[in-house]
Amino acid sequence: MKKCGICLTIFLMFISGFASTSFAAEEKGPKLAEDAKSAVLMERDTGEVLYNKNADEKLPPASMTKIMTMLLIMEALDKGTLKLDENVRVSEYAASMGGSQIFLEAGEEMTVNELLKGVAVASGNDASVALAERISGSEEEFVAKMNEKAKNLGLSNTSFQNTTGLPAKDHYTTAHDMAVMAKELLKHEEITKYTSIYEDYLRKGTEDEFWLVNTNKLVKFYDGVDGLKTGFTREALYCLTATAKKDDMRVIAVVMGAKTPKERNATISSMLDYAFNSYETDALYKRYQKVDQLNMIRAKQSEIDVVTNESVSLLKKKGEQMDNVKTDIIYNENLKLPLNKGQEIGILKVSSNGKPLSEAKLVVKDSVDEAGVFTLFKRTMSEMVKNR
């Protein structure tokens, strides 16, 4: 197998400067969230934390829980096990959800597209449960998948008991973990088509028409904000996981435990201002961009495209110069056929002057089957003729 198990180094001599592996520590930097219980500011591509306050404190997330709910919905859509245009029949249990809702009726049918809009824009608890039941059969089974996904993301300070964020014992997360969940959700860029909607309608043109207004007012009042999710309960107070993009830079800001919605929005705005005023990124690879090609002797396909599973960028303080930036491709050992589309086969490491900056997973663009005997025979004969 060509290049497998070795390190492929690509020097990017046209980029200059230097970036440290950690831009902010909890005791240092600007005071951006003095009145909130916890907060974190993260650059999306690198996952670099630019600011944090009590970022690992376990707190109730309220409806920010729906970030994980939406992540599993988007994954189901990607796999094809869920379709945007299919109808979902609403159960009595889903229709009985209190709190924020889009007032679904038991037995009513609504498309996945409309239900997802109800979750993303209006924070509908009933819509969240209806989609959870469609994907997993029950909310309980869906919650098990939420906790499994959290574990797979390395989130040891997160525990979910429902899909909605309604108060429940042992339902908690942290500002840091919320940012990681948001980072994962934003790999599905189409989610912002929903979370950026400020107002819309469900059942439009009928007597049951329902007006949707985004609970995240910053999508209208802060340029570049296109998500993601608010939250409020008496226990959690006012929370928000927001994301904004300017030029090539996308950041995630999380605030938990603010006393008022005005304070919450002001805190998020100041964090976003700090990020965009202080930092910038240089894009290296877009998501699913080809970075290498493998040749596996026993593979049915003679050439295997290797791509990133997320966008890859360099993060630097504004005005800093960067030099000796390189990317290293390190493949997993003992890769075996067949390989499934999207299967992780290695990592891409970005460094500057020998100091690590970030990592991204590498996956195969398409499924790779093992070649049959006849294909291997023809390939062997072709190589023998070529080498005569």
Protein backbone atom coordinates (compact mmCIF):
# COMPACT_ATOMS: atom_id res chain seq x y z
CA MET A 1 0.00 0.00 0.00
CA LYS A 2 1.47 3.29 -1.11
CA LYS A 3 2.10 5.88 1.60
CA CYS A 4 0.17 3.92 4.24
CA GLY A 5 1.85 4.01 7.67
CA ILE A 6 4.22 6.80 6.70
CA CYS A 7 4.15 10.52 7.26
CA LEU A 8 3.57 12.69 4.22
CA THR A 9 4.81 16.24 4.79
CA ILE A 10 3.56 19.14 2.74
CA PHE A 11 5.35 22.43 3.27
CA LEU A 12 3.21 25.53 2.86
CA MET A 13 5.97 28.05 2.23
CA PHE A 14 3.59 30.76 1.10
CA ILE A 15 2.19 31.12 4.63
CA SER A 16 4.17 32.92 7.29
CA GLY A 17 3.90 33.54 11.04
CA PHE A 18 3.58 31.82 14.38
CA ALA A 19 0.70 30.60 16.50
CA SER A 20 0.77 29.17 20.00
CA THR A 21 -1.19 26.07 20.96
CA SER A 22 -3.21 27.92 23.59
CA PHE A 23 -4.41 31.48 23.24
CA ALA A 24 -6.29 31.83 26.51
CA ALA A 25 -6.25 30.52 30.05
CA GLU A 26 -8.99 30.80 32.61
CA GLU A 27 -7.12 33.28 34.83
CA LYS A 28 -5.85 35.42 31.96
CA GLY A 29 -7.24 37.49 29.12
CA PRO A 30 -10.19 39.87 28.93
CA LYS A 31 -13.14 39.67 31.32
CA LEU A 32 -15.92 38.95 28.88
CA ALA A 33 -18.51 37.10 30.94
CA GLU A 34 -18.26 38.45 34.47
CA ASP A 35 -21.94 38.01 35.31
CA ALA A 36 -22.46 34.57 33.77
CA LYS A 37 -21.87 31.30 35.64
CA SER A 38 -19.69 29.94 32.86
CA ALA A 39 -18.63 30.74 29.31
CA VAL A 40 -16.32 29.62 26.53
CA LEU A 41 -15.22 31.07 23.20
CA MET A 42 -13.90 28.64 20.57
CA GLU A 43 -12.65 28.92 16.98
CA ARG A 44 -14.54 26.26 15.05
CA ASP A 45 -11.99 24.77 12.66
CA THR A 46 -9.11 24.35 15.12
CA GLY A 47 -11.20 23.90 18.26
CA GLU A 48 -8.88 26.43 19.91
CA VAL A 49 -10.32 27.98 23.08
CA LEU A 50 -9.87 31.76 22.95
CA TYR A 51 -11.52 32.52 26.29
CA ASN A 52 -13.15 30.57 29.08
CA LYS A 53 -14.71 31.08 32.47
CA ASN A 54 -15.54 28.04 34.60
CA ALA A 55 -15.83 26.15 31.32
CA ASP A 56 -15.87 22.71 32.99
CA GLU A 57 -18.53 23.46 35.61
CA LYS A 58 -21.48 21.07 35.33
CA LEU A 59 -24.69 23.03 34.80
CA PRO A 60 -28.18 22.40 33.39
CA PRO A 61 -28.22 23.35 29.69
CA ALA A 62 -31.98 23.84 29.30
CA SER A 63 -32.93 23.86 25.60
CA MET A 64 -29.30 24.01 24.46
CA THR A 65 -29.72 20.24 24.86
CA LYS A 66 -31.29 20.38 21.41
CA ILE A 67 -27.86 20.94 19.85
CA MET A 68 -27.18 17.25 20.49
CA THR A 69 -30.71 16.41 19.36
CA MET A 70 -30.15 18.27 16.09
CA LEU A 71 -26.75 16.62 15.64
CA LEU A 72 -28.30 13.15 15.68
CA ILE A 73 -31.07 14.33 13.35
CA MET A 74 -28.50 15.65 10.86
CA GLU A 75 -26.52 12.40 11.07
CA ALA A 76 -29.68 10.41 10.31
CA LEU A 77 -30.32 12.65 7.30
CA ASP A 78 -26.74 12.12 6.09
CA LYS A 79 -27.08 8.35 6.41
CA GLY A 80 -30.34 8.40 4.48
CA THR A 81 -32.31 6.77 7.30
CA LEU A 82 -34.36 9.97 7.54
CA LYS A 83 -35.68 12.13 4.69
CA LEU A 84 -36.57 15.81 4.84
CA ASP A 85 -39.74 15.35 2.82
CA GLU A 86 -41.12 12.35 4.70
CA ASN A 87 -44.10 12.72 7.01
CA VAL A 88 -43.81 11.95 10.72
CA ARG A 89 -46.91 11.01 12.70
CA VAL A 90 -47.01 12.71 16.10
CA SER A 91 -47.56 10.49 19.13
CA GLU A 92 -49.65 11.43 22.15
CA TYR A 93 -46.47 11.51 24.20
CA ALA A 94 -44.72 13.95 21.84
CA ALA A 95 -47.82 16.17 21.71
CA SER A 96 -47.96 16.28 25.52
CA MET A 97 -44.61 18.04 25.91
CA GLY A 98 -44.79 21.26 27.88
CA GLY A 99 -42.56 24.31 27.71
CA SER A 100 -41.61 25.69 24.31
CA GLN A 101 -43.66 23.97 21.62
CA ILE A 102 -45.18 24.28 18.17
CA PHE A 103 -48.49 22.84 19.46
CA LEU A 104 -48.50 19.54 17.63
CA GLU A 105 -51.65 17.45 17.90
CA ALA A 106 -51.60 13.70 18.55
CA GLY A 107 -52.04 11.95 15.21
CA GLU A 108 -51.00 15.02 13.21
CA GLU A 109 -48.47 14.47 10.44
CA MET A 110 -45.70 16.94 9.66
CA THR A 111 -42.64 16.66 7.44
CA VAL A 112 -39.16 16.24 8.88
CA ASN A 113 -38.27 19.57 7.28
CA GLU A 114 -41.05 21.36 9.17
CA LEU A 115 -40.30 19.58 12.45
CA LEU A 116 -36.60 20.41 12.21
CA LYS A 117 -37.55 24.02 11.61
CA GLY A 118 -39.73 23.84 14.71
CA VAL A 119 -36.78 22.57 16.76
CA ALA A 120 -34.17 24.98 15.41
CA VAL A 121 -36.24 28.16 15.33
CA ALA A 122 -38.94 27.83 18.01
CA SER A 123 -37.17 25.30 20.28
CA GLY A 124 -40.20 23.04 20.07
CA ASN A 125 -40.09 20.30 22.69
CA ASP A 126 -42.91 18.45 20.96
CA ALA A 127 -41.07 18.56 17.62
CA SER A 128 -37.86 17.30 19.27
CA VAL A 129 -39.60 14.27 20.76
CA ALA A 130 -41.50 13.52 17.53
CA LEU A 131 -38.22 13.37 15.59
CA ALA A 132 -36.51 11.38 18.33
CA GLU A 133 -39.29 8.79 18.21
CA ARG A 134 -39.08 8.62 14.43
CA ILE A 135 -35.31 7.99 14.51
CA SER A 136 -35.03 5.63 17.49
CA GLY A 137 -38.55 4.39 18.22
CA SER A 138 -38.72 6.10 21.60
CA GLU A 139 -37.29 9.14 23.35
CA GLU A 140 -35.55 6.82 25.81
CA GLU A 141 -33.65 5.04 23.04
CA PHE A 142 -32.78 8.35 21.40
CA VAL A 143 -31.40 9.71 24.70
CA ALA A 144 -29.19 6.63 24.92
CA LYS A 145 -27.79 7.58 21.50
CA MET A 146 -27.25 11.15 22.73
CA ASN A 147 -25.18 9.94 25.65
CA GLU A 148 -23.29 7.49 23.44
CA LYS A 149 -22.46 10.32 21.04
CA ALA A 150 -21.30 12.49 23.93
CA LYS A 151 -19.01 9.68 25.07
CA ASN A 152 -17.62 9.26 21.55
CA LEU A 153 -16.83 12.99 21.46
CA GLY A 154 -14.91 12.63 24.74
CA LEU A 155 -17.43 14.64 26.76
CA SER A 156 -17.03 13.20 30.25
CA ASN A 157 -18.94 16.03 31.95
CA THR A 158 -22.21 15.61 30.03
CA SER A 159 -25.28 13.53 30.87
CA PHE A 160 -28.66 13.71 29.12
CA GLN A 161 -32.01 12.48 30.41
CA ASN A 162 -34.24 13.85 27.63
CA THR A 163 -34.11 15.40 24.15
CA THR A 164 -35.56 18.76 25.17
CA GLY A 165 -33.67 20.19 28.12
CA LEU A 166 -36.71 20.19 30.40
CA PRO A 167 -35.53 19.98 34.04
CA ALA A 168 -34.49 16.47 35.09
CA LYS A 169 -32.17 14.95 37.66
CA ASP A 170 -28.65 14.25 36.32
CA HIS A 171 -29.24 16.25 33.16
CA TYR A 172 -26.17 18.44 32.84
CA THR A 173 -23.27 19.57 30.67
CA THR A 174 -20.58 22.26 30.61
CA ALA A 175 -19.86 25.32 28.49
CA HIS A 176 -16.84 23.52 27.01
CA ASP A 177 -18.84 20.41 26.15
CA MET A 178 -21.57 22.53 24.55
CA ALA A 179 -18.94 24.17 22.34
CA VAL A 180 -17.63 20.76 21.26
CA MET A 181 -21.16 19.59 20.43
CA ALA A 182 -21.72 22.78 18.44
CA LYS A 183 -18.43 22.23 16.60
CA GLU A 184 -19.59 18.75 15.63
CA LEU A 185 -23.05 19.96 14.58
CA LEU A 186 -21.52 22.66 12.38
CA LYS A 187 -19.82 19.99 10.27
CA HIS A 188 -23.34 19.73 8.86
CA GLU A 189 -23.30 23.23 7.43
CA GLU A 190 -26.88 22.96 6.18
CA ILE A 191 -28.12 23.18 9.79
CA THR A 192 -27.53 26.93 9.65
CA LYS A 193 -30.21 27.16 6.96
CA TYR A 194 -32.60 26.42 9.83
CA THR A 195 -30.91 28.07 12.82
CA SER A 196 -30.44 31.36 10.91
CA ILE A 197 -34.18 31.78 10.22
CA TYR A 198 -35.54 34.70 12.23
CA GLU A 199 -39.22 34.16 11.46
CA ASP A 200 -41.30 31.75 9.39
CA TYR A 201 -44.58 29.84 9.45
CA LEU A 202 -45.74 26.26 9.89
CA ARG A 203 -49.00 24.98 8.40
CA LYS A 204 -48.98 28.14 6.27
CA GLY A 205 -52.32 29.02 4.67
CA THR A 206 -54.36 26.86 7.04
CA GLU A 207 -56.48 27.81 10.03
CA ASP A 208 -53.78 26.23 12.22
CA GLU A 209 -50.99 28.42 10.81
CA PHE A 210 -48.24 28.89 13.39
CA TRP A 211 -45.81 31.81 13.48
CA LEU A 212 -42.22 30.86 14.27
CA VAL A 213 -39.92 33.49 15.79
CA ASN A 214 -36.33 32.59 16.58
CA THR A 215 -35.53 32.53 20.27
CA ASN A 216 -31.99 33.62 19.33
CA LYS A 217 -32.44 37.32 18.56
CA LEU A 218 -28.78 37.70 17.60
CA VAL A 219 -29.47 36.09 14.20
CA LYS A 220 -31.18 39.38 13.37
CA PHE A 221 -29.18 41.86 15.39
CA TYR A 222 -25.54 40.66 15.11
CA ASP A 223 -24.02 40.48 11.65
CA GLY A 224 -22.72 36.99 10.91
CA VAL A 225 -24.66 35.08 13.58
CA ASP A 226 -26.50 32.12 12.05
CA GLY A 227 -27.19 29.87 15.05
CA LEU A 228 -27.36 27.92 17.20
CA LYS A 229 -29.56 27.49 20.30
CA THR A 230 -30.89 29.34 23.32
CA GLY A 231 -32.00 27.87 26.63
CA PHE A 232 -33.91 28.92 29.74
CA THR A 233 -35.31 27.32 32.86
CA ARG A 234 -35.50 28.71 36.38
CA GLU A 235 -32.62 26.45 37.36
CA ALA A 236 -30.44 27.04 34.30
CA LEU A 237 -31.28 30.73 33.90
CA TYR A 238 -30.51 32.22 30.46
CA CYS A 239 -28.15 30.29 28.23
CA LEU A 240 -27.01 30.53 24.63
CA THR A 241 -24.69 28.65 22.31
CA ALA A 242 -24.12 31.00 19.38
CA THR A 243 -22.04 30.79 16.23
CA ALA A 244 -21.00 33.50 13.82
CA LYS A 245 -18.92 33.59 10.66
CA LYS A 246 -16.99 36.49 9.14
CA ASP A 247 -14.73 35.99 6.13
CA ASP A 248 -13.19 32.51 6.58
CA MET A 249 -13.42 32.47 10.37
CA ARG A 250 -16.25 30.83 12.32
CA VAL A 251 -16.42 31.00 16.09
CA ILE A 252 -18.61 29.44 18.76
CA ALA A 253 -19.58 31.32 21.94
CA VAL A 254 -21.34 29.69 24.89
CA VAL A 255 -22.83 31.43 27.92
CA MET A 256 -24.56 29.60 30.76
CA GLY A 257 -26.39 31.02 33.77
CA ALA A 258 -26.91 34.66 32.74
CA LYS A 259 -29.54 36.50 34.78
CA THR A 260 -31.46 38.09 31.91
CA PRO A 261 -31.77 37.57 28.15
CA LYS A 262 -30.37 41.06 27.61
CA GLU A 263 -27.31 40.22 29.69
CA ARG A 264 -26.90 36.89 27.87
CA ASN A 265 -27.02 38.51 24.43
CA ALA A 266 -24.69 41.32 25.45
CA THR A 267 -22.15 38.83 26.81
CA ILE A 268 -22.24 36.72 23.65
CA SER A 269 -21.88 39.86 21.51
CA SER A 270 -18.81 41.00 23.47
CA MET A 271 -17.23 37.55 23.09
CA LEU A 272 -17.84 37.55 19.34
CA ASP A 273 -16.46 41.09 19.06
CA TYR A 274 -13.32 40.00 20.89
CA ALA A 275 -12.81 37.00 18.61
CA PHE A 276 -13.25 38.87 15.33
CA ASN A 277 -11.24 41.90 16.49
CA SER A 278 -8.32 39.85 17.81
CA TYR A 279 -7.97 36.79 15.58
CA GLU A 280 -8.11 35.66 11.98
CA THR A 281 -7.77 32.38 10.09
CA ASP A 282 -6.15 31.16 6.89
CA ALA A 283 -8.14 28.39 5.24
CA LEU A 284 -6.15 25.27 4.31
CA TYR A 285 -8.77 22.71 3.31
CA LYS A 286 -12.53 22.73 2.94
CA ARG A 287 -14.53 19.82 4.34
CA TYR A 288 -14.25 16.75 2.08
CA GLN A 289 -11.42 18.34 0.08
CA LYS A 290 -8.94 15.80 -1.30
CA VAL A 291 -5.60 15.85 0.51
CA ASP A 292 -4.02 12.60 -0.66
CA GLN A 293 -4.53 9.44 -2.68
CA LEU A 294 -3.91 5.88 -1.56
CA ASN A 295 -3.11 2.82 -3.63
CA MET A 296 -4.03 -0.46 -1.93
CA ILE A 297 -2.95 -3.55 -3.83
CA ARG A 298 -6.05 -5.59 -3.01
CA ALA A 299 -8.57 -2.77 -3.44
CA LYS A 300 -11.11 -2.92 -6.24
CA GLN A 301 -10.47 0.76 -6.96
CA SER A 302 -6.92 1.46 -8.08
CA GLU A 303 -6.96 4.97 -6.58
CA ILE A 304 -8.55 5.92 -3.26
CA ASP A 305 -9.24 9.59 -2.51
CA VAL A 306 -8.48 10.69 1.06
CA VAL A 307 -10.37 13.77 2.31
CA THR A 308 -10.79 15.76 5.51
CA ASN A 309 -13.99 15.28 7.50
CA GLU A 310 -14.08 18.95 8.47
CA SER A 311 -12.64 22.25 7.30
CA VAL A 312 -9.03 22.90 8.32
CA SER A 313 -7.63 26.36 9.03
CA LEU A 314 -4.72 28.17 10.64
CA LEU A 315 -5.66 30.42 13.55
CA LYS A 316 -3.50 33.42 14.38
CA LYS A 317 -3.69 36.73 16.15
CA LYS A 318 -4.25 39.61 13.78
CA GLY A 319 -0.99 41.00 12.46
CA GLU A 320 1.08 37.93 13.38
CA GLN A 321 3.38 36.39 10.80
CA MET A 322 3.55 32.64 10.26
CA ASP A 323 6.46 30.59 8.93
CA ASN A 324 7.47 26.96 8.60
CA VAL A 325 3.86 25.83 8.60
CA LYS A 326 3.41 22.23 7.54
CA THR A 327 0.77 19.52 7.47
CA ASP A 328 1.60 15.90 8.30
CA ILE A 329 -0.59 13.02 7.18
CA ILE A 330 -0.38 10.00 9.46
CA TYR A 331 -2.35 6.92 8.45
CA ASN A 332 -3.73 4.28 10.80
CA GLU A 333 -1.70 1.10 10.87
CA ASN A 334 -3.01 -2.15 9.40
CA LEU A 335 -5.84 -0.73 7.30
CA LYS A 336 -8.09 -3.56 6.14
CA LEU A 337 -10.58 -3.82 3.30
CA PRO A 338 -13.40 -3.15 2.80
CA LEU A 339 -13.46 0.52 3.81
CA ASN A 340 -16.77 2.33 4.25
CA LYS A 341 -17.48 5.81 2.92
CA GLY A 342 -16.48 8.31 5.61
CA GLN A 343 -14.42 5.77 7.56
CA GLU A 344 -11.55 7.33 9.49
CA ILE A 345 -8.17 6.14 8.23
CA GLY A 346 -5.77 8.72 9.69
CA ILE A 347 -5.22 12.25 10.87
CA LEU A 348 -3.93 15.49 9.40
CA LYS A 349 -1.65 17.39 11.80
CA VAL A 350 -0.93 21.10 11.34
CA SER A 351 2.13 22.64 13.00
CA SER A 352 4.28 25.75 12.93
CA ASN A 353 7.98 25.73 13.77
CA GLY A 354 7.50 22.24 15.17
CA LYS A 355 4.71 23.27 17.54
CA PRO A 356 1.34 21.53 17.00
CA LEU A 357 -1.58 23.78 16.05
CA SER A 358 -4.49 21.46 15.27
CA GLU A 359 -5.57 18.04 14.05
CA ALA A 360 -8.32 16.85 11.70
CA LYS A 361 -9.56 13.36 10.92
CA LEU A 362 -8.98 11.93 7.47
CA VAL A 363 -11.60 9.69 5.88
CA VAL A 364 -12.13 7.87 2.58
CA LYS A 365 -14.32 9.77 0.15
CA ASP A 366 -16.09 6.65 -1.16
CA SER A 367 -16.53 3.05 -0.06
CA VAL A 368 -13.67 0.76 -1.09
CA ASP A 369 -14.32 -2.92 -1.80
CA GLU A 370 -11.81 -5.74 -1.98
CA ALA A 371 -10.92 -6.73 -5.52
CA GLY A 372 -12.02 -10.07 -6.90
CA VAL A 373 -9.65 -12.79 -8.08
CA PHE A 374 -10.07 -11.88 -11.75
CA THR A 375 -9.33 -8.19 -11.09
CA LEU A 376 -6.23 -9.09 -9.10
CA PHE A 377 -5.07 -11.42 -11.87
CA LYS A 378 -5.47 -8.74 -14.53
CA ARG A 379 -3.70 -6.21 -12.34
CA THR A 380 -0.80 -8.60 -11.72
CA MET A 381 -0.44 -9.41 -15.43
CA SER A 382 -0.53 -5.72 -16.29
CA GLU A 383 2.28 -5.02 -13.82
CA MET A 384 4.34 -7.91 -15.21
CA VAL A 385 4.00 -6.61 -18.77
CA LYS A 386 4.82 -3.08 -17.65
CA ASN A 387 7.97 -4.22 -15.87
CA ARG A 388 9.33 -6.45 -18.68
